[in-house]
């Protein structure tokens, strides 16, 4: 996504965030937005309709109202319709990601993706969460475990745009680069 589009998505997310923060509905709206994003991304036809220039704005709004009108709050519904009005429907998934980032900052929470060669136990996930939460100075770190056989061993942790690579393959790559540069 281009920098300009990211800035626009952030603006919509920030506006929605401010409205729902006043109503103490951050968590509820986040769940609604995650649901909206998954429906849009999992349905190719919906994505095609929303991005099609020859389908009228009124038809797109009617479709979104039919799909989400009764299942999301008024603030989320109005934000989606506003984005369609302004021809920003392609940015809905990015707006959702930006909203989640803002909500997490407000709550002192961060999301981490932990790559490992096997499924981590609950205790291992909690230990990783505690260690990195202290490192990043956040209250809570939510961990999603992803299996990656290419790691050989160890783990790789991705938090936002930061990557902490403690994997065997990562260490081997660093040694190789060091040997080549000498």
C-alpha atoms as a PDB file:
ATOM      1  CA  UNK A   1       0.000   0.000   0.000  1.00  0.00           C
ATOM      2  CA  UNK A   2       1.330   3.421  -0.891  1.00  0.00           C
ATOM      3  CA  UNK A   3       2.206   5.899   1.818  1.00  0.00           C
ATOM      4  CA  UNK A   4      -0.658   8.216   0.780  1.00  0.00           C
ATOM      5  CA  UNK A   5      -3.241   5.442   1.041  1.00  0.00           C
ATOM      6  CA  UNK A   6      -1.848   4.386   4.404  1.00  0.00           C
ATOM      7  CA  UNK A   7      -2.206   7.961   5.682  1.00  0.00           C
ATOM      8  CA  UNK A   8      -5.820   8.071   4.481  1.00  0.00           C
ATOM      9  CA  UNK A   9      -6.596   4.714   6.140  1.00  0.00           C
ATOM     10  CA  UNK A  10      -5.058   6.033   9.376  1.00  0.00           C
ATOM     11  CA  UNK A  11      -7.314   9.093   9.268  1.00  0.00           C
ATOM     12  CA  UNK A  12     -10.490   7.006   9.005  1.00  0.00           C
ATOM     13  CA  UNK A  13      -9.233   4.677  11.745  1.00  0.00           C
ATOM     14  CA  UNK A  14      -8.353   7.614  13.995  1.00  0.00           C
ATOM     15  CA  UNK A  15     -11.763   9.225  13.517  1.00  0.00           C
ATOM     16  CA  UNK A  16     -13.558   5.981  14.343  1.00  0.00           C
ATOM     17  CA  UNK A  17     -11.210   5.379  17.273  1.00  0.00           C
ATOM     18  CA  UNK A  18     -11.988   8.772  18.810  1.00  0.00           C
ATOM     19  CA  UNK A  19     -15.744   8.224  18.523  1.00  0.00           C
ATOM     20  CA  UNK A  20     -15.731   4.765  20.105  1.00  0.00           C
ATOM     21  CA  UNK A  21     -13.159   5.606  22.782  1.00  0.00           C
ATOM     22  CA  UNK A  22     -15.580   8.182  24.167  1.00  0.00           C
ATOM     23  CA  UNK A  23     -18.215   5.436  24.347  1.00  0.00           C
ATOM     24  CA  UNK A  24     -15.819   2.896  25.929  1.00  0.00           C
ATOM     25  CA  UNK A  25     -16.424   0.484  23.062  1.00  0.00           C
ATOM     26  CA  UNK A  26     -12.872  -0.170  21.832  1.00  0.00           C
ATOM     27  CA  UNK A  27     -13.002  -3.955  22.231  1.00  0.00           C
ATOM     28  CA  UNK A  28     -16.461  -4.387  20.738  1.00  0.00           C
ATOM     29  CA  UNK A  29     -15.624  -2.267  17.691  1.00  0.00           C
ATOM     30  CA  UNK A  30     -12.347  -4.126  17.203  1.00  0.00           C
ATOM     31  CA  UNK A  31     -14.235  -7.447  17.083  1.00  0.00           C
ATOM     32  CA  UNK A  32     -16.713  -5.984  14.608  1.00  0.00           C
ATOM     33  CA  UNK A  33     -13.961  -4.617  12.378  1.00  0.00           C
ATOM     34  CA  UNK A  34     -12.023  -7.889  12.397  1.00  0.00           C
ATOM     35  CA  UNK A  35     -15.216  -9.643  11.323  1.00  0.00           C
ATOM     36  CA  UNK A  36     -15.829  -7.091   8.532  1.00  0.00           C
ATOM     37  CA  UNK A  37     -12.246  -7.416   7.311  1.00  0.00           C
ATOM     38  CA  UNK A  38     -12.349 -11.205   7.226  1.00  0.00           C
ATOM     39  CA  UNK A  39     -15.665 -11.242   5.334  1.00  0.00           C
ATOM     40  CA  UNK A  40     -14.304  -8.787   2.765  1.00  0.00           C
ATOM     41  CA  UNK A  41     -10.976 -10.570   2.322  1.00  0.00           C
ATOM     42  CA  UNK A  42     -12.431 -14.076   2.199  1.00  0.00           C
ATOM     43  CA  UNK A  43     -15.053 -13.209  -0.404  1.00  0.00           C
ATOM     44  CA  UNK A  44     -13.499 -12.435  -3.785  1.00  0.00           C
ATOM     45  CA  UNK A  45     -16.845 -11.453  -5.309  1.00  0.00           C
ATOM     46  CA  UNK A  46     -17.490  -8.893  -2.572  1.00  0.00           C
ATOM     47  CA  UNK A  47     -14.024  -7.440  -3.077  1.00  0.00           C
ATOM     48  CA  UNK A  48     -14.642  -7.239  -6.831  1.00  0.00           C
ATOM     49  CA  UNK A  49     -17.995  -5.506  -6.343  1.00  0.00           C
ATOM     50  CA  UNK A  50     -16.592  -2.985  -3.853  1.00  0.00           C
ATOM     51  CA  UNK A  51     -13.682  -2.124  -6.138  1.00  0.00           C
ATOM     52  CA  UNK A  52     -15.651  -2.068  -9.402  1.00  0.00           C
ATOM     53  CA  UNK A  53     -15.908   1.489 -10.783  1.00  0.00           C
ATOM     54  CA  UNK A  54     -19.153   0.868 -12.706  1.00  0.00           C
ATOM     55  CA  UNK A  55     -21.151  -0.268  -9.675  1.00  0.00           C
ATOM     56  CA  UNK A  56     -22.882   2.718  -8.148  1.00  0.00           C
ATOM     57  CA  UNK A  57     -22.034   4.043  -4.711  1.00  0.00           C
ATOM     58  CA  UNK A  58     -25.656   3.514  -3.657  1.00  0.00           C
ATOM     59  CA  UNK A  59     -25.496  -0.165  -4.663  1.00  0.00           C
ATOM     60  CA  UNK A  60     -22.235  -0.661  -2.772  1.00  0.00           C
ATOM     61  CA  UNK A  61     -23.671   1.031   0.324  1.00  0.00           C
ATOM     62  CA  UNK A  62     -26.832  -1.064   0.099  1.00  0.00           C
ATOM     63  CA  UNK A  63     -24.735  -4.228  -0.113  1.00  0.00           C
ATOM     64  CA  UNK A  64     -22.631  -3.273   2.911  1.00  0.00           C
ATOM     65  CA  UNK A  65     -25.760  -2.321   4.849  1.00  0.00           C
ATOM     66  CA  UNK A  66     -27.340  -5.657   4.011  1.00  0.00           C
ATOM     67  CA  UNK A  67     -24.215  -7.592   4.996  1.00  0.00           C
ATOM     68  CA  UNK A  68     -23.185  -5.700   8.123  1.00  0.00           C
ATOM     69  CA  UNK A  69     -25.993  -3.293   9.063  1.00  0.00           C
ATOM     70  CA  UNK A  70     -27.458  -5.390  11.882  1.00  0.00           C
ATOM     71  CA  UNK A  71     -24.180  -6.958  12.961  1.00  0.00           C
ATOM     72  CA  UNK A  72     -22.014  -3.917  13.617  1.00  0.00           C
ATOM     73  CA  UNK A  73     -22.395  -0.783  15.674  1.00  0.00           C
ATOM     74  CA  UNK A  74     -23.668   2.438  14.163  1.00  0.00           C
ATOM     75  CA  UNK A  75     -20.158   3.939  14.276  1.00  0.00           C
ATOM     76  CA  UNK A  76     -18.650   1.071  12.267  1.00  0.00           C
ATOM     77  CA  UNK A  77     -21.567   1.022   9.824  1.00  0.00           C
ATOM     78  CA  UNK A  78     -21.327   4.778   9.237  1.00  0.00           C
ATOM     79  CA  UNK A  79     -17.554   4.578   8.766  1.00  0.00           C
ATOM     80  CA  UNK A  80     -17.945   1.874   6.121  1.00  0.00           C
ATOM     81  CA  UNK A  81     -20.612   3.885   4.288  1.00  0.00           C
ATOM     82  CA  UNK A  82     -18.509   7.052   4.476  1.00  0.00           C
ATOM     83  CA  UNK A  83     -15.535   5.209   2.988  1.00  0.00           C
ATOM     84  CA  UNK A  84     -17.729   4.044   0.094  1.00  0.00           C
ATOM     85  CA  UNK A  85     -19.079   7.586  -0.379  1.00  0.00           C
ATOM     86  CA  UNK A  86     -15.530   8.851  -0.728  1.00  0.00           C
ATOM     87  CA  UNK A  87     -14.435   5.948  -2.966  1.00  0.00           C
ATOM     88  CA  UNK A  88     -12.133   4.522  -0.280  1.00  0.00           C
ATOM     89  CA  UNK A  89     -13.671   1.040  -0.064  1.00  0.00           C
ATOM     90  CA  UNK A  90     -10.400  -0.625  -1.084  1.00  0.00           C
ATOM     91  CA  UNK A  91      -8.839   0.784   2.083  1.00  0.00           C
ATOM     92  CA  UNK A  92     -11.268  -0.869   4.508  1.00  0.00           C
ATOM     93  CA  UNK A  93      -8.850  -3.726   5.435  1.00  0.00           C
ATOM     94  CA  UNK A  94      -6.022  -1.242   5.997  1.00  0.00           C
ATOM     95  CA  UNK A  95      -8.291   0.993   8.080  1.00  0.00           C
ATOM     96  CA  UNK A  96      -9.118  -2.022  10.261  1.00  0.00           C
ATOM     97  CA  UNK A  97      -5.414  -2.731  10.819  1.00  0.00           C
ATOM     98  CA  UNK A  98      -4.789   0.912  11.726  1.00  0.00           C
ATOM     99  CA  UNK A  99      -7.728   0.901  14.158  1.00  0.00           C
ATOM    100  CA  UNK A 100      -6.401  -2.235  15.875  1.00  0.00           C
ATOM    101  CA  UNK A 101      -2.990  -0.600  16.196  1.00  0.00           C
ATOM    102  CA  UNK A 102      -4.544   2.496  17.816  1.00  0.00           C
ATOM    103  CA  UNK A 103      -6.709   0.410  20.161  1.00  0.00           C
ATOM    104  CA  UNK A 104      -3.715  -1.698  21.177  1.00  0.00           C
ATOM    105  CA  UNK A 105      -1.670   1.412  21.950  1.00  0.00           C
ATOM    106  CA  UNK A 106      -4.506   2.755  24.087  1.00  0.00           C
ATOM    107  CA  UNK A 107      -4.737  -0.505  26.049  1.00  0.00           C
ATOM    108  CA  UNK A 108      -0.970  -1.032  26.276  1.00  0.00           C
ATOM    109  CA  UNK A 109      -1.240  -4.229  24.249  1.00  0.00           C
ATOM    110  CA  UNK A 110       0.855  -5.473  21.345  1.00  0.00           C
ATOM    111  CA  UNK A 111       0.401  -8.406  18.981  1.00  0.00           C
ATOM    112  CA  UNK A 112       3.260 -10.751  18.197  1.00  0.00           C
ATOM    113  CA  UNK A 113       3.627 -13.485  15.650  1.00  0.00           C
ATOM    114  CA  UNK A 114       6.006 -16.161  16.898  1.00  0.00           C
ATOM    115  CA  UNK A 115       7.411 -18.469  14.243  1.00  0.00           C
ATOM    116  CA  UNK A 116       8.670 -21.850  15.425  1.00  0.00           C
ATOM    117  CA  UNK A 117       9.268 -25.332  14.016  1.00  0.00           C
ATOM    118  CA  UNK A 118       6.636 -26.839  16.328  1.00  0.00           C
ATOM    119  CA  UNK A 119       3.554 -25.678  18.171  1.00  0.00           C
ATOM    120  CA  UNK A 120       4.599 -23.891  21.352  1.00  0.00           C
ATOM    121  CA  UNK A 121       3.072 -24.926  24.659  1.00  0.00           C
ATOM    122  CA  UNK A 122       0.929 -22.468  26.579  1.00  0.00           C
ATOM    123  CA  UNK A 123       3.764 -22.018  29.115  1.00  0.00           C
ATOM    124  CA  UNK A 124       6.265 -21.257  26.345  1.00  0.00           C
ATOM    125  CA  UNK A 125       3.900 -18.717  24.796  1.00  0.00           C
ATOM    126  CA  UNK A 126       3.359 -17.048  28.166  1.00  0.00           C
ATOM    127  CA  UNK A 127       7.128 -16.906  28.806  1.00  0.00           C
ATOM    128  CA  UNK A 128       7.697 -15.295  25.389  1.00  0.00           C
ATOM    129  CA  UNK A 129       4.815 -12.897  26.019  1.00  0.00           C
ATOM    130  CA  UNK A 130       6.191 -11.868  29.419  1.00  0.00           C
ATOM    131  CA  UNK A 131       9.771 -11.444  28.173  1.00  0.00           C
ATOM    132  CA  UNK A 132       8.890  -9.331  25.138  1.00  0.00           C
ATOM    133  CA  UNK A 133       6.201  -7.325  26.970  1.00  0.00           C
ATOM    134  CA  UNK A 134       8.864  -6.194  29.445  1.00  0.00           C
ATOM    135  CA  UNK A 135      11.292  -5.467  26.621  1.00  0.00           C
ATOM    136  CA  UNK A 136       8.759  -3.362  24.725  1.00  0.00           C
ATOM    137  CA  UNK A 137       7.251  -1.784  27.835  1.00  0.00           C
ATOM    138  CA  UNK A 138       3.676  -2.931  27.146  1.00  0.00           C
ATOM    139  CA  UNK A 139       1.153  -4.355  29.599  1.00  0.00           C
ATOM    140  CA  UNK A 140       0.325  -7.402  27.518  1.00  0.00           C
ATOM    141  CA  UNK A 141       1.696  -9.124  24.453  1.00  0.00           C
ATOM    142  CA  UNK A 142      -0.767 -11.346  22.578  1.00  0.00           C
ATOM    143  CA  UNK A 143       1.054 -14.223  20.889  1.00  0.00           C
ATOM    144  CA  UNK A 144       0.046 -16.000  17.698  1.00  0.00           C
ATOM    145  CA  UNK A 145       2.127 -19.104  17.007  1.00  0.00           C
ATOM    146  CA  UNK A 146       2.926 -19.921  13.359  1.00  0.00           C
ATOM    147  CA  UNK A 147       4.743 -23.080  12.284  1.00  0.00           C
ATOM    148  CA  UNK A 148       7.743 -22.468   9.984  1.00  0.00           C
ATOM    149  CA  UNK A 149       9.820 -25.566   9.182  1.00  0.00           C
ATOM    150  CA  UNK A 150      12.502 -23.419   7.481  1.00  0.00           C
ATOM    151  CA  UNK A 151      13.707 -22.130  10.861  1.00  0.00           C
ATOM    152  CA  UNK A 152      15.496 -25.430  11.690  1.00  0.00           C
ATOM    153  CA  UNK A 153      15.221 -24.553  15.405  1.00  0.00           C
ATOM    154  CA  UNK A 154      14.673 -21.618  17.764  1.00  0.00           C
ATOM    155  CA  UNK A 155      12.052 -18.909  17.225  1.00  0.00           C
ATOM    156  CA  UNK A 156      11.513 -15.728  15.288  1.00  0.00           C
ATOM    157  CA  UNK A 157       9.253 -13.062  16.829  1.00  0.00           C
ATOM    158  CA  UNK A 158       7.559 -10.362  14.740  1.00  0.00           C
ATOM    159  CA  UNK A 159       6.008  -7.444  16.627  1.00  0.00           C
ATOM    160  CA  UNK A 160       4.739  -4.666  14.387  1.00  0.00           C
ATOM    161  CA  UNK A 161       7.554  -3.922  11.976  1.00  0.00           C
ATOM    162  CA  UNK A 162      10.269  -5.323  14.282  1.00  0.00           C
ATOM    163  CA  UNK A 163      11.675  -8.830  13.972  1.00  0.00           C
ATOM    164  CA  UNK A 164      13.653 -10.601  16.685  1.00  0.00           C
ATOM    165  CA  UNK A 165      15.346 -13.566  15.013  1.00  0.00           C
ATOM    166  CA  UNK A 166      16.621 -16.234  17.411  1.00  0.00           C
ATOM    167  CA  UNK A 167      16.234 -19.045  14.917  1.00  0.00           C
ATOM    168  CA  UNK A 168      19.007 -21.414  13.879  1.00  0.00           C
ATOM    169  CA  UNK A 169      18.542 -20.471  10.217  1.00  0.00           C
ATOM    170  CA  UNK A 170      18.782 -16.785  11.137  1.00  0.00           C
ATOM    171  CA  UNK A 171      22.007 -17.358  13.050  1.00  0.00           C
ATOM    172  CA  UNK A 172      23.458 -19.350  10.151  1.00  0.00           C
ATOM    173  CA  UNK A 173      22.554 -16.544   7.736  1.00  0.00           C
ATOM    174  CA  UNK A 174      24.263 -13.971   9.973  1.00  0.00           C
ATOM    175  CA  UNK A 175      27.415 -16.130  10.195  1.00  0.00           C
ATOM    176  CA  UNK A 176      27.416 -16.561   6.422  1.00  0.00           C
ATOM    177  CA  UNK A 177      27.127 -12.793   5.842  1.00  0.00           C
ATOM    178  CA  UNK A 178      29.890 -12.171   8.346  1.00  0.00           C
ATOM    179  CA  UNK A 179      32.213 -14.685   6.620  1.00  0.00           C
ATOM    180  CA  UNK A 180      31.498 -13.254   3.177  1.00  0.00           C
ATOM    181  CA  UNK A 181      32.186  -9.681   4.315  1.00  0.00           C
ATOM    182  CA  UNK A 182      35.602 -10.581   5.782  1.00  0.00           C
END
